[in-house]
Amino acid sequence: MNQLGISLVDSYLTLDSGFDDGKNRNQIEYANLIPVIKPNLRGLKDREKINAKLDAFEEVRDIYQERYKIERCFAWEDSYRKLVIRYETLQCTFMGFRYLAYSMINLKDVLGKK
C-alpha cells in the first residue's frame, strides 16, 4: 500500500474469534490499524473478564456485522458451481454469470417472502 501511496492508518482490520489474542491485537495496533476481533469467550469463567471483552467489542460491533454481510454474500455466490471455479477467460462472461447468480438469489429471496 505504501508503494501505491495509500495510507491505511486508522483503518479497521476485521478478524474472527480465532485471532482473539493479545499478541495479535498488539501487532495490529502497532501497524496503526484498529482491530475488530470478535471475542473468544471459550475458557473464560470470570464474569467480569467476559463482560469487559463484550463491552470492548460493543464499540466495533457494527463494523463486524458489515463483515458478516460481505461473507454471507460470498457464501451465496459459492452456492453456484460456475462461480466457485472461474472457467471463463473473458471478464464480461464471468460478470454475466455473476449477475445471473445475484438475480437468482434475489428472486429466491423475493419469492420466499410471499
PDB file of N, CA and C in Angstrom:
ATOM      1  N   MET A   1       0.823  -1.185   0.000  1.00  0.00           N
ATOM      2  CA  MET A   1       0.000   0.000   0.000  1.00  0.00           C
ATOM      3  C   MET A   1       0.870   1.252   0.000  1.00  0.00           C
ATOM      4  N   ASN A   2       2.027   1.141   0.639  1.00  0.00           N
ATOM      5  CA  ASN A   2       2.930   2.293   0.657  1.00  0.00           C
ATOM      6  C   ASN A   2       3.397   2.635  -0.754  1.00  0.00           C
ATOM      7  N   GLN A   3       3.663   1.619  -1.576  1.00  0.00           N
ATOM      8  CA  GLN A   3       4.104   1.854  -2.944  1.00  0.00           C
ATOM      9  C   GLN A   3       3.017   2.530  -3.777  1.00  0.00           C
ATOM     10  N   LEU A   4       1.764   2.276  -3.446  1.00  0.00           N
ATOM     11  CA  LEU A   4       0.653   2.901  -4.161  1.00  0.00           C
ATOM     12  C   LEU A   4       0.305   4.275  -3.595  1.00  0.00           C
ATOM     13  N   GLY A   5       0.915   4.608  -2.481  1.00  0.00           N
ATOM     14  CA  GLY A   5       0.640   5.902  -1.870  1.00  0.00           C
ATOM     15  C   GLY A   5      -0.667   5.932  -1.098  1.00  0.00           C
ATOM     16  N   ILE A   6      -1.135   4.775  -0.663  1.00  0.00           N
ATOM     17  CA  ILE A   6      -2.389   4.690   0.083  1.00  0.00           C
ATOM     18  C   ILE A   6      -2.068   4.463   1.553  1.00  0.00           C
ATOM     19  N   SER A   7      -2.621   5.291   2.403  1.00  0.00           N
ATOM     20  CA  SER A   7      -2.397   5.176   3.835  1.00  0.00           C
ATOM     21  C   SER A   7      -3.532   4.369   4.470  1.00  0.00           C
ATOM     22  N   LEU A   8      -3.177   3.374   5.244  1.00  0.00           N
ATOM     23  CA  LEU A   8      -4.168   2.568   5.953  1.00  0.00           C
ATOM     24  C   LEU A   8      -4.258   2.920   7.431  1.00  0.00           C
ATOM     25  N   VAL A   9      -3.620   4.001   7.823  1.00  0.00           N
ATOM     26  CA  VAL A   9      -3.626   4.413   9.220  1.00  0.00           C
ATOM     27  C   VAL A   9      -5.067   4.623   9.670  1.00  0.00           C
ATOM     28  N   ASP A  10      -5.388   4.089  10.833  1.00  0.00           N
ATOM     29  CA  ASP A  10      -6.727   4.159  11.441  1.00  0.00           C
ATOM     30  C   ASP A  10      -7.793   3.434  10.625  1.00  0.00           C
ATOM     31  N   SER A  11      -7.398   2.456   9.821  1.00  0.00           N
ATOM     32  CA  SER A  11      -8.351   1.595   9.113  1.00  0.00           C
ATOM     33  C   SER A  11      -8.687   0.407  10.009  1.00  0.00           C
ATOM     34  N   TYR A  12      -9.843  -0.186   9.783  1.00  0.00           N
ATOM     35  CA  TYR A  12     -10.261  -1.342  10.565  1.00  0.00           C
ATOM     36  C   TYR A  12      -9.725  -2.620   9.937  1.00  0.00           C
ATOM     37  N   LEU A  13      -9.283  -3.551  10.784  1.00  0.00           N
ATOM     38  CA  LEU A  13      -8.897  -4.885  10.346  1.00  0.00           C
ATOM     39  C   LEU A  13      -9.798  -5.863  11.070  1.00  0.00           C
ATOM     40  N   THR A  14     -10.703  -6.507  10.343  1.00  0.00           N
ATOM     41  CA  THR A  14     -11.653  -7.413  10.965  1.00  0.00           C
ATOM     42  C   THR A  14     -11.164  -8.845  10.859  1.00  0.00           C
ATOM     43  N   LEU A  15     -11.243  -9.535  11.981  1.00  0.00           N
ATOM     44  CA  LEU A  15     -10.842 -10.937  12.073  1.00  0.00           C
ATOM     45  C   LEU A  15     -11.865 -11.666  12.930  1.00  0.00           C
ATOM     46  N   ASP A  16     -11.948 -12.990  12.762  1.00  0.00           N
ATOM     47  CA  ASP A  16     -12.900 -13.729  13.579  1.00  0.00           C
ATOM     48  C   ASP A  16     -12.267 -14.129  14.912  1.00  0.00           C
ATOM     49  N   SER A  17     -13.024 -14.837  15.726  1.00  0.00           N
ATOM     50  CA  SER A  17     -12.616 -15.083  17.108  1.00  0.00           C
ATOM     51  C   SER A  17     -11.372 -15.961  17.232  1.00  0.00           C
ATOM     52  N   GLY A  18     -10.983 -16.653  16.181  1.00  0.00           N
ATOM     53  CA  GLY A  18      -9.764 -17.446  16.235  1.00  0.00           C
ATOM     54  C   GLY A  18      -8.513 -16.601  16.404  1.00  0.00           C
ATOM     55  N   PHE A  19      -8.601 -15.321  16.116  1.00  0.00           N
ATOM     56  CA  PHE A  19      -7.461 -14.413  16.220  1.00  0.00           C
ATOM     57  C   PHE A  19      -7.517 -13.549  17.473  1.00  0.00           C
ATOM     58  N   ASP A  20      -8.426 -13.866  18.404  1.00  0.00           N
ATOM     59  CA  ASP A  20      -8.572 -13.076  19.622  1.00  0.00           C
ATOM     60  C   ASP A  20      -7.434 -13.414  20.579  1.00  0.00           C
ATOM     61  N   ASP A  21      -6.382 -12.630  20.470  1.00  0.00           N
ATOM     62  CA  ASP A  21      -5.182 -12.846  21.261  1.00  0.00           C
ATOM     63  C   ASP A  21      -4.514 -11.496  21.471  1.00  0.00           C
ATOM     64  N   GLY A  22      -3.945 -11.299  22.632  1.00  0.00           N
ATOM     65  CA  GLY A  22      -3.286 -10.032  22.923  1.00  0.00           C
ATOM     66  C   GLY A  22      -2.137  -9.739  21.976  1.00  0.00           C
ATOM     67  N   LYS A  23      -1.410 -10.776  21.580  1.00  0.00           N
ATOM     68  CA  LYS A  23      -0.284 -10.587  20.661  1.00  0.00           C
ATOM     69  C   LYS A  23      -0.770 -10.069  19.308  1.00  0.00           C
ATOM     70  N   ASN A  24      -1.856 -10.655  18.802  1.00  0.00           N
ATOM     71  CA  ASN A  24      -2.415 -10.191  17.526  1.00  0.00           C
ATOM     72  C   ASN A  24      -2.899  -8.756  17.616  1.00  0.00           C
ATOM     73  N   ARG A  25      -3.591  -8.442  18.703  1.00  0.00           N
ATOM     74  CA  ARG A  25      -4.084  -7.076  18.878  1.00  0.00           C
ATOM     75  C   ARG A  25      -2.932  -6.070  18.927  1.00  0.00           C
ATOM     76  N   ASN A  26      -1.869  -6.425  19.628  1.00  0.00           N
ATOM     77  CA  ASN A  26      -0.714  -5.528  19.725  1.00  0.00           C
ATOM     78  C   ASN A  26      -0.072  -5.297  18.363  1.00  0.00           C
ATOM     79  N   GLN A  27       0.061  -6.357  17.564  1.00  0.00           N
ATOM     80  CA  GLN A  27       0.659  -6.208  16.233  1.00  0.00           C
ATOM     81  C   GLN A  27      -0.207  -5.341  15.327  1.00  0.00           C
ATOM     82  N   ILE A  28      -1.511  -5.505  15.427  1.00  0.00           N
ATOM     83  CA  ILE A  28      -2.426  -4.705  14.614  1.00  0.00           C
ATOM     84  C   ILE A  28      -2.347  -3.238  15.026  1.00  0.00           C
ATOM     85  N   GLU A  29      -2.361  -2.988  16.320  1.00  0.00           N
ATOM     86  CA  GLU A  29      -2.267  -1.608  16.807  1.00  0.00           C
ATOM     87  C   GLU A  29      -0.911  -0.994  16.496  1.00  0.00           C
ATOM     88  N   TYR A  30       0.158  -1.806  16.513  1.00  0.00           N
ATOM     89  CA  TYR A  30       1.490  -1.313  16.177  1.00  0.00           C
ATOM     90  C   TYR A  30       1.536  -0.846  14.715  1.00  0.00           C
ATOM     91  N   ALA A  31       0.738  -1.481  13.859  1.00  0.00           N
ATOM     92  CA  ALA A  31       0.669  -1.094  12.444  1.00  0.00           C
ATOM     93  C   ALA A  31      -0.284   0.079  12.234  1.00  0.00           C
ATOM     94  N   ASN A  32      -0.742   0.712  13.321  1.00  0.00           N
ATOM     95  CA  ASN A  32      -1.667   1.856  13.285  1.00  0.00           C
ATOM     96  C   ASN A  32      -3.003   1.503  12.647  1.00  0.00           C
ATOM     97  N   LEU A  33      -3.468   0.263  12.895  1.00  0.00           N
ATOM     98  CA  LEU A  33      -4.779  -0.172  12.448  1.00  0.00           C
ATOM     99  C   LEU A  33      -5.660  -0.383  13.670  1.00  0.00           C
ATOM    100  N   ILE A  34      -6.953  -0.445  13.442  1.00  0.00           N
ATOM    101  CA  ILE A  34      -7.905  -0.655  14.527  1.00  0.00           C
ATOM    102  C   ILE A  34      -8.390  -2.096  14.457  1.00  0.00           C
ATOM    103  N   PRO A  35      -8.090  -2.922  15.490  1.00  0.00           N
ATOM    104  CA  PRO A  35      -8.513  -4.324  15.437  1.00  0.00           C
ATOM    105  C   PRO A  35     -10.007  -4.472  15.717  1.00  0.00           C
ATOM    106  N   VAL A  36     -10.675  -5.243  14.878  1.00  0.00           N
ATOM    107  CA  VAL A  36     -12.080  -5.596  15.089  1.00  0.00           C
ATOM    108  C   VAL A  36     -12.116  -7.112  15.121  1.00  0.00           C
ATOM    109  N   ILE A  37     -11.989  -7.666  16.329  1.00  0.00           N
ATOM    110  CA  ILE A  37     -11.895  -9.109  16.504  1.00  0.00           C
ATOM    111  C   ILE A  37     -13.008  -9.547  17.446  1.00  0.00           C
ATOM    112  N   LYS A  38     -13.823 -10.477  16.981  1.00  0.00           N
ATOM    113  CA  LYS A  38     -14.904 -10.982  17.827  1.00  0.00           C
ATOM    114  C   LYS A  38     -14.288 -11.705  19.022  1.00  0.00           C
ATOM    115  N   PRO A  39     -14.755 -11.418  20.235  1.00  0.00           N
ATOM    116  CA  PRO A  39     -14.158 -12.038  21.422  1.00  0.00           C
ATOM    117  C   PRO A  39     -14.369 -13.548  21.442  1.00  0.00           C
ATOM    118  N   ASN A  40     -13.315 -14.254  21.812  1.00  0.00           N
ATOM    119  CA  ASN A  40     -13.391 -15.693  22.005  1.00  0.00           C
ATOM    120  C   ASN A  40     -13.561 -15.928  23.500  1.00  0.00           C
ATOM    121  N   LEU A  41     -14.753 -16.312  23.898  1.00  0.00           N
ATOM    122  CA  LEU A  41     -15.079 -16.439  25.316  1.00  0.00           C
ATOM    123  C   LEU A  41     -14.843 -17.847  25.839  1.00  0.00           C
ATOM    124  N   ARG A  42     -14.401 -18.732  24.977  1.00  0.00           N
ATOM    125  CA  ARG A  42     -14.162 -20.108  25.382  1.00  0.00           C
ATOM    126  C   ARG A  42     -13.052 -20.145  26.435  1.00  0.00           C
ATOM    127  N   GLY A  43     -13.299 -20.859  27.500  1.00  0.00           N
ATOM    128  CA  GLY A  43     -12.307 -20.997  28.554  1.00  0.00           C
ATOM    129  C   GLY A  43     -12.368 -19.905  29.612  1.00  0.00           C
ATOM    130  N   LEU A  44     -13.144 -18.872  29.384  1.00  0.00           N
ATOM    131  CA  LEU A  44     -13.273 -17.809  30.393  1.00  0.00           C
ATOM    132  C   LEU A  44     -14.417 -18.136  31.342  1.00  0.00           C
ATOM    133  N   LYS A  45     -14.127 -18.065  32.621  1.00  0.00           N
ATOM    134  CA  LYS A  45     -15.162 -18.329  33.615  1.00  0.00           C
ATOM    135  C   LYS A  45     -15.460 -17.089  34.459  1.00  0.00           C
ATOM    136  N   ASP A  46     -14.507 -16.169  34.484  1.00  0.00           N
ATOM    137  CA  ASP A  46     -14.668 -14.949  35.265  1.00  0.00           C
ATOM    138  C   ASP A  46     -15.646 -14.015  34.543  1.00  0.00           C
ATOM    139  N   ARG A  47     -16.774 -13.756  35.171  1.00  0.00           N
ATOM    140  CA  ARG A  47     -17.842 -12.961  34.558  1.00  0.00           C
ATOM    141  C   ARG A  47     -17.372 -11.537  34.256  1.00  0.00           C
ATOM    142  N   GLU A  48     -16.512 -10.992  35.095  1.00  0.00           N
ATOM    143  CA  GLU A  48     -16.013  -9.624  34.871  1.00  0.00           C
ATOM    144  C   GLU A  48     -15.168  -9.551  33.604  1.00  0.00           C
ATOM    145  N   LYS A  49     -14.318 -10.556  33.379  1.00  0.00           N
ATOM    146  CA  LYS A  49     -13.495 -10.585  32.165  1.00  0.00           C
ATOM    147  C   LYS A  49     -14.368 -10.743  30.920  1.00  0.00           C
ATOM    148  N   ILE A  50     -15.387 -11.586  31.030  1.00  0.00           N
ATOM    149  CA  ILE A  50     -16.306 -11.785  29.904  1.00  0.00           C
ATOM    150  C   ILE A  50     -17.011 -10.477  29.575  1.00  0.00           C
ATOM    151  N   ASN A  51     -17.530  -9.807  30.605  1.00  0.00           N
ATOM    152  CA  ASN A  51     -18.225  -8.535  30.386  1.00  0.00           C
ATOM    153  C   ASN A  51     -17.300  -7.468  29.824  1.00  0.00           C
ATOM    154  N   ALA A  52     -16.044  -7.443  30.275  1.00  0.00           N
ATOM    155  CA  ALA A  52     -15.080  -6.455  29.775  1.00  0.00           C
ATOM    156  C   ALA A  52     -14.810  -6.679  28.293  1.00  0.00           C
ATOM    157  N   LYS A  53     -14.644  -7.950  27.901  1.00  0.00           N
ATOM    158  CA  LYS A  53     -14.400  -8.250  26.481  1.00  0.00           C
ATOM    159  C   LYS A  53     -15.610  -7.880  25.624  1.00  0.00           C
ATOM    160  N   LEU A  54     -16.790  -8.217  26.107  1.00  0.00           N
ATOM    161  CA  LEU A  54     -18.007  -7.912  25.341  1.00  0.00           C
ATOM    162  C   LEU A  54     -18.248  -6.406  25.258  1.00  0.00           C
ATOM    163  N   ASP A  55     -17.965  -5.683  26.323  1.00  0.00           N
ATOM    164  CA  ASP A  55     -18.136  -4.226  26.303  1.00  0.00           C
ATOM    165  C   ASP A  55     -17.173  -3.577  25.320  1.00  0.00           C
ATOM    166  N   ALA A  56     -15.931  -4.060  25.286  1.00  0.00           N
ATOM    167  CA  ALA A  56     -14.948  -3.507  24.349  1.00  0.00           C
ATOM    168  C   ALA A  56     -15.354  -3.798  22.905  1.00  0.00           C
ATOM    169  N   PHE A  57     -15.939  -4.965  22.671  1.00  0.00           N
ATOM    170  CA  PHE A  57     -16.368  -5.337  21.316  1.00  0.00           C
ATOM    171  C   PHE A  57     -17.594  -4.542  20.879  1.00  0.00           C
ATOM    172  N   GLU A  58     -18.397  -4.107  21.827  1.00  0.00           N
ATOM    173  CA  GLU A  58     -19.635  -3.379  21.507  1.00  0.00           C
ATOM    174  C   GLU A  58     -19.352  -2.119  20.695  1.00  0.00           C
ATOM    175  N   GLU A  59     -18.195  -1.508  20.912  1.00  0.00           N
ATOM    176  CA  GLU A  59     -17.838  -0.275  20.199  1.00  0.00           C
ATOM    177  C   GLU A  59     -17.662  -0.511  18.693  1.00  0.00           C
ATOM    178  N   VAL A  60     -17.239  -1.709  18.304  1.00  0.00           N
ATOM    179  CA  VAL A  60     -16.951  -2.003  16.896  1.00  0.00           C
ATOM    180  C   VAL A  60     -17.874  -3.068  16.314  1.00  0.00           C
ATOM    181  N   ARG A  61     -18.954  -3.380  17.030  1.00  0.00           N
ATOM    182  CA  ARG A  61     -19.872  -4.427  16.579  1.00  0.00           C
ATOM    183  C   ARG A  61     -20.454  -4.128  15.195  1.00  0.00           C
ATOM    184  N   ASP A  62     -20.761  -2.871  14.903  1.00  0.00           N
ATOM    185  CA  ASP A  62     -21.331  -2.517  13.602  1.00  0.00           C
ATOM    186  C   ASP A  62     -20.367  -2.837  12.471  1.00  0.00           C
ATOM    187  N   ILE A  63     -19.082  -2.583  12.682  1.00  0.00           N
ATOM    188  CA  ILE A  63     -18.073  -2.891  11.667  1.00  0.00           C
ATOM    189  C   ILE A  63     -18.022  -4.392  11.438  1.00  0.00           C
ATOM    190  N   TYR A  64     -18.067  -5.169  12.525  1.00  0.00           N
ATOM    191  CA  TYR A  64     -18.011  -6.629  12.400  1.00  0.00           C
ATOM    192  C   TYR A  64     -19.248  -7.164  11.687  1.00  0.00           C
ATOM    193  N   GLN A  65     -20.406  -6.568  11.920  1.00  0.00           N
ATOM    194  CA  GLN A  65     -21.630  -7.012  11.246  1.00  0.00           C
ATOM    195  C   GLN A  65     -21.569  -6.742   9.756  1.00  0.00           C
ATOM    196  N   GLU A  66     -20.889  -5.675   9.342  1.00  0.00           N
ATOM    197  CA  GLU A  66     -20.687  -5.427   7.911  1.00  0.00           C
ATOM    198  C   GLU A  66     -19.854  -6.542   7.292  1.00  0.00           C
ATOM    199  N   ARG A  67     -18.855  -7.008   8.029  1.00  0.00           N
ATOM    200  CA  ARG A  67     -18.036  -8.120   7.543  1.00  0.00           C
ATOM    201  C   ARG A  67     -18.909  -9.353   7.334  1.00  0.00           C
ATOM    202  N   TYR A  68     -19.825  -9.597   8.258  1.00  0.00           N
ATOM    203  CA  TYR A  68     -20.708 -10.750   8.147  1.00  0.00           C
ATOM    204  C   TYR A  68     -21.551 -10.669   6.874  1.00  0.00           C
ATOM    205  N   LYS A  69     -22.048  -9.492   6.559  1.00  0.00           N
ATOM    206  CA  LYS A  69     -22.850  -9.322   5.341  1.00  0.00           C
ATOM    207  C   LYS A  69     -22.041  -9.657   4.097  1.00  0.00           C
ATOM    208  N   ILE A  70     -20.789  -9.235   4.071  1.00  0.00           N
ATOM    209  CA  ILE A  70     -19.942  -9.500   2.914  1.00  0.00           C
ATOM    210  C   ILE A  70     -19.631 -10.984   2.811  1.00  0.00           C
ATOM    211  N   GLU A  71     -19.312 -11.631   3.933  1.00  0.00           N
ATOM    212  CA  GLU A  71     -19.024 -13.066   3.904  1.00  0.00           C
ATOM    213  C   GLU A  71     -20.257 -13.865   3.511  1.00  0.00           C
ATOM    214  N   ARG A  72     -21.434 -13.420   3.936  1.00  0.00           N
ATOM    215  CA  ARG A  72     -22.672 -14.096   3.562  1.00  0.00           C
ATOM    216  C   ARG A  72     -22.885 -14.000   2.059  1.00  0.00           C
ATOM    217  N   CYS A  73     -22.561 -12.861   1.485  1.00  0.00           N
ATOM    218  CA  CYS A  73     -22.665 -12.686   0.034  1.00  0.00           C
ATOM    219  C   CYS A  73     -21.739 -13.656  -0.693  1.00  0.00           C
ATOM    220  N   PHE A  74     -20.508 -13.798  -0.204  1.00  0.00           N
ATOM    221  CA  PHE A  74     -19.585 -14.752  -0.812  1.00  0.00           C
ATOM    222  C   PHE A  74     -20.100 -16.183  -0.689  1.00  0.00           C
ATOM    223  N   ALA A  75     -20.718 -16.508   0.439  1.00  0.00           N
ATOM    224  CA  ALA A  75     -21.264 -17.855   0.623  1.00  0.00           C
ATOM    225  C   ALA A  75     -22.406 -18.114  -0.356  1.00  0.00           C
ATOM    226  N   TRP A  76     -23.263 -17.131  -0.583  1.00  0.00           N
ATOM    227  CA  TRP A  76     -24.324 -17.288  -1.579  1.00  0.00           C
ATOM    228  C   TRP A  76     -23.720 -17.500  -2.962  1.00  0.00           C
ATOM    229  N   GLU A  77     -22.695 -16.737  -3.247  1.00  0.00           N
ATOM    230  CA  GLU A  77     -22.042 -16.846  -4.544  1.00  0.00           C
ATOM    231  C   GLU A  77     -21.438 -18.238  -4.731  1.00  0.00           C
ATOM    232  N   ASP A  78     -20.897 -18.799  -3.658  1.00  0.00           N
ATOM    233  CA  ASP A  78     -20.280 -20.125  -3.731  1.00  0.00           C
ATOM    234  C   ASP A  78     -21.296 -21.244  -3.908  1.00  0.00           C
ATOM    235  N   SER A  79     -22.579 -20.950  -3.744  1.00  0.00           N
ATOM    236  CA  SER A  79     -23.584 -21.988  -3.960  1.00  0.00           C
ATOM    237  C   SER A  79     -23.790 -22.260  -5.451  1.00  0.00           C
ATOM    238  N   TYR A  80     -23.182 -21.444  -6.299  1.00  0.00           N
ATOM    239  CA  TYR A  80     -23.239 -21.654  -7.746  1.00  0.00           C
ATOM    240  C   TYR A  80     -21.876 -22.144  -8.222  1.00  0.00           C
ATOM    241  N   ARG A  81     -21.847 -23.400  -8.632  1.00  0.00           N
ATOM    242  CA  ARG A  81     -20.592 -24.049  -9.002  1.00  0.00           C
ATOM    243  C   ARG A  81     -19.846 -23.294 -10.094  1.00  0.00           C
ATOM    244  N   LYS A  82     -20.587 -22.681 -10.978  1.00  0.00           N
ATOM    245  CA  LYS A  82     -19.974 -21.940 -12.086  1.00  0.00           C
ATOM    246  C   LYS A  82     -19.124 -20.771 -11.582  1.00  0.00           C
ATOM    247  N   LEU A  83     -19.427 -20.266 -10.399  1.00  0.00           N
ATOM    248  CA  LEU A  83     -18.695 -19.129  -9.855  1.00  0.00           C
ATOM    249  C   LEU A  83     -17.586 -19.532  -8.889  1.00  0.00           C
ATOM    250  N   VAL A  84     -17.648 -20.770  -8.367  1.00  0.00           N
ATOM    251  CA  VAL A  84     -16.634 -21.206  -7.412  1.00  0.00           C
ATOM    252  C   VAL A  84     -15.273 -21.296  -8.084  1.00  0.00           C
ATOM    253  N   ILE A  85     -15.245 -21.945  -9.237  1.00  0.00           N
ATOM    254  CA  ILE A  85     -14.020 -22.018 -10.028  1.00  0.00           C
ATOM    255  C   ILE A  85     -14.267 -21.219 -11.286  1.00  0.00           C
ATOM    256  N   ARG A  86     -13.396 -20.311 -11.563  1.00  0.00           N
ATOM    257  CA  ARG A  86     -13.590 -19.428 -12.715  1.00  0.00           C
ATOM    258  C   ARG A  86     -13.113 -20.120 -13.980  1.00  0.00           C
ATOM    259  N   TYR A  87     -14.072 -20.594 -14.775  1.00  0.00           N
ATOM    260  CA  TYR A  87     -13.749 -21.261 -16.030  1.00  0.00           C
ATOM    261  C   TYR A  87     -13.643 -20.279 -17.190  1.00  0.00           C
ATOM    262  N   GLU A  88     -14.329 -19.150 -17.097  1.00  0.00           N
ATOM    263  CA  GLU A  88     -14.366 -18.194 -18.196  1.00  0.00           C
ATOM    264  C   GLU A  88     -13.091 -17.365 -18.234  1.00  0.00           C
ATOM    265  N   THR A  89     -12.611 -17.127 -19.427  1.00  0.00           N
ATOM    266  CA  THR A  89     -11.422 -16.290 -19.566  1.00  0.00           C
ATOM    267  C   THR A  89     -11.798 -14.829 -19.779  1.00  0.00           C
ATOM    268  N   LEU A  90     -12.982 -14.593 -20.301  1.00  0.00           N
ATOM    269  CA  LEU A  90     -13.423 -13.220 -20.534  1.00  0.00           C
ATOM    270  C   LEU A  90     -14.091 -12.656 -19.282  1.00  0.00           C
ATOM    271  N   GLN A  91     -13.701 -11.466 -18.925  1.00  0.00           N
ATOM    272  CA  GLN A  91     -14.268 -10.799 -17.752  1.00  0.00           C
ATOM    273  C   GLN A  91     -15.769 -10.582 -17.921  1.00  0.00           C
ATOM    274  N   CYS A  92     -16.201 -10.207 -19.123  1.00  0.00           N
ATOM    275  CA  CYS A  92     -17.626  -9.918 -19.340  1.00  0.00           C
ATOM    276  C   CYS A  92     -18.477 -11.180 -19.173  1.00  0.00           C
ATOM    277  N   THR A  93     -17.967 -12.339 -19.584  1.00  0.00           N
ATOM    278  CA  THR A  93     -18.712 -13.589 -19.417  1.00  0.00           C
ATOM    279  C   THR A  93     -18.808 -13.951 -17.940  1.00  0.00           C
ATOM    280  N   PHE A  94     -17.704 -13.838 -17.244  1.00  0.00           N
ATOM    281  CA  PHE A  94     -17.693 -14.137 -15.812  1.00  0.00           C
ATOM    282  C   PHE A  94     -18.654 -13.224 -15.068  1.00  0.00           C
ATOM    283  N   MET A  95     -18.616 -11.931 -15.356  1.00  0.00           N
ATOM    284  CA  MET A  95     -19.513 -10.989 -14.682  1.00  0.00           C
ATOM    285  C   MET A  95     -20.969 -11.258 -15.052  1.00  0.00           C
ATOM    286  N   GLY A  96     -21.221 -11.698 -16.278  1.00  0.00           N
ATOM    287  CA  GLY A  96     -22.579 -12.049 -16.670  1.00  0.00           C
ATOM    288  C   GLY A  96     -23.131 -13.187 -15.825  1.00  0.00           C
ATOM    289  N   PHE A  97     -22.317 -14.229 -15.610  1.00  0.00           N
ATOM    290  CA  PHE A  97     -22.748 -15.336 -14.753  1.00  0.00           C
ATOM    291  C   PHE A  97     -22.933 -14.870 -13.309  1.00  0.00           C
ATOM    292  N   ARG A  98     -22.081 -13.964 -12.886  1.00  0.00           N
ATOM    293  CA  ARG A  98     -22.192 -13.441 -11.533  1.00  0.00           C
ATOM    294  C   ARG A  98     -23.502 -12.662 -11.359  1.00  0.00           C
ATOM    295  N   TYR A  99     -23.835 -11.809 -12.328  1.00  0.00           N
ATOM    296  CA  TYR A  99     -25.089 -11.059 -12.258  1.00  0.00           C
ATOM    297  C   TYR A  99     -26.294 -11.990 -12.322  1.00  0.00           C
ATOM    298  N   LEU A 100     -26.192 -13.039 -13.116  1.00  0.00           N
ATOM    299  CA  LEU A 100     -27.271 -14.025 -13.188  1.00  0.00           C
ATOM    300  C   LEU A 100     -27.464 -14.699 -11.829  1.00  0.00           C
ATOM    301  N   ALA A 101     -26.357 -15.064 -11.182  1.00  0.00           N
ATOM    302  CA  ALA A 101     -26.444 -15.693  -9.858  1.00  0.00           C
ATOM    303  C   ALA A 101     -27.075 -14.737  -8.849  1.00  0.00           C
ATOM    304  N   TYR A 102     -26.654 -13.468  -8.858  1.00  0.00           N
ATOM    305  CA  TYR A 102     -27.242 -12.494  -7.937  1.00  0.00           C
ATOM    306  C   TYR A 102     -28.731 -12.312  -8.204  1.00  0.00           C
ATOM    307  N   SER A 103     -29.106 -12.323  -9.473  1.00  0.00           N
ATOM    308  CA  SER A 103     -30.531 -12.196  -9.812  1.00  0.00           C
ATOM    309  C   SER A 103     -31.318 -13.384  -9.275  1.00  0.00           C
ATOM    310  N   MET A 104     -30.750 -14.578  -9.393  1.00  0.00           N
ATOM    311  CA  MET A 104     -31.435 -15.774  -8.879  1.00  0.00           C
ATOM    312  C   MET A 104     -31.526 -15.741  -7.355  1.00  0.00           C
ATOM    313  N   ILE A 105     -30.476 -15.273  -6.700  1.00  0.00           N
ATOM    314  CA  ILE A 105     -30.502 -15.160  -5.242  1.00  0.00           C
ATOM    315  C   ILE A 105     -31.595 -14.186  -4.817  1.00  0.00           C
ATOM    316  N   ASN A 106     -31.678 -13.037  -5.484  1.00  0.00           N
ATOM    317  CA  ASN A 106     -32.708 -12.051  -5.145  1.00  0.00           C
ATOM    318  C   ASN A 106     -34.102 -12.574  -5.458  1.00  0.00           C
ATOM    319  N   LEU A 107     -34.243 -13.315  -6.556  1.00  0.00           N
ATOM    320  CA  LEU A 107     -35.552 -13.871  -6.906  1.00  0.00           C
ATOM    321  C   LEU A 107     -35.997 -14.875  -5.848  1.00  0.00           C
ATOM    322  N   LYS A 108     -35.080 -15.733  -5.399  1.00  0.00           N
ATOM    323  CA  LYS A 108     -35.426 -16.687  -4.335  1.00  0.00           C
ATOM    324  C   LYS A 108     -35.860 -15.944  -3.070  1.00  0.00           C
ATOM    325  N   ASP A 109     -35.170 -14.840  -2.780  1.00  0.00           N
ATOM    326  CA  ASP A 109     -35.487 -14.066  -1.583  1.00  0.00           C
ATOM    327  C   ASP A 109     -36.878 -13.434  -1.715  1.00  0.00           C
ATOM    328  N   VAL A 110     -37.194 -12.884  -2.881  1.00  0.00           N
ATOM    329  CA  VAL A 110     -38.492 -12.253  -3.095  1.00  0.00           C
ATOM    330  C   VAL A 110     -39.617 -13.284  -3.050  1.00  0.00           C
ATOM    331  N   LEU A 111     -39.405 -14.421  -3.698  1.00  0.00           N
ATOM    332  CA  LEU A 111     -40.443 -15.447  -3.718  1.00  0.00           C
ATOM    333  C   LEU A 111     -40.609 -16.092  -2.364  1.00  0.00           C
ATOM    334  N   GLY A 112     -39.545 -16.150  -1.594  1.00  0.00           N
ATOM    335  CA  GLY A 112     -39.620 -16.756  -0.257  1.00  0.00           C
ATOM    336  C   GLY A 112     -40.362 -15.893   0.739  1.00  0.00           C
ATOM    337  N   LYS A 113     -40.460 -14.588   0.482  1.00  0.00           N
ATOM    338  CA  LYS A 113     -41.120 -13.677   1.428  1.00  0.00           C
ATOM    339  C   LYS A 113     -42.623 -13.618   1.233  1.00  0.00           C
ATOM    340  N   LYS A 114     -43.128 -14.216   0.163  1.00  0.00           N
ATOM    341  CA  LYS A 114     -44.585 -14.153  -0.081  1.00  0.00           C
ATOM    342  C   LYS A 114     -45.340 -15.102   0.804  1.00  0.00           C
TER     343      LYS A 114
END
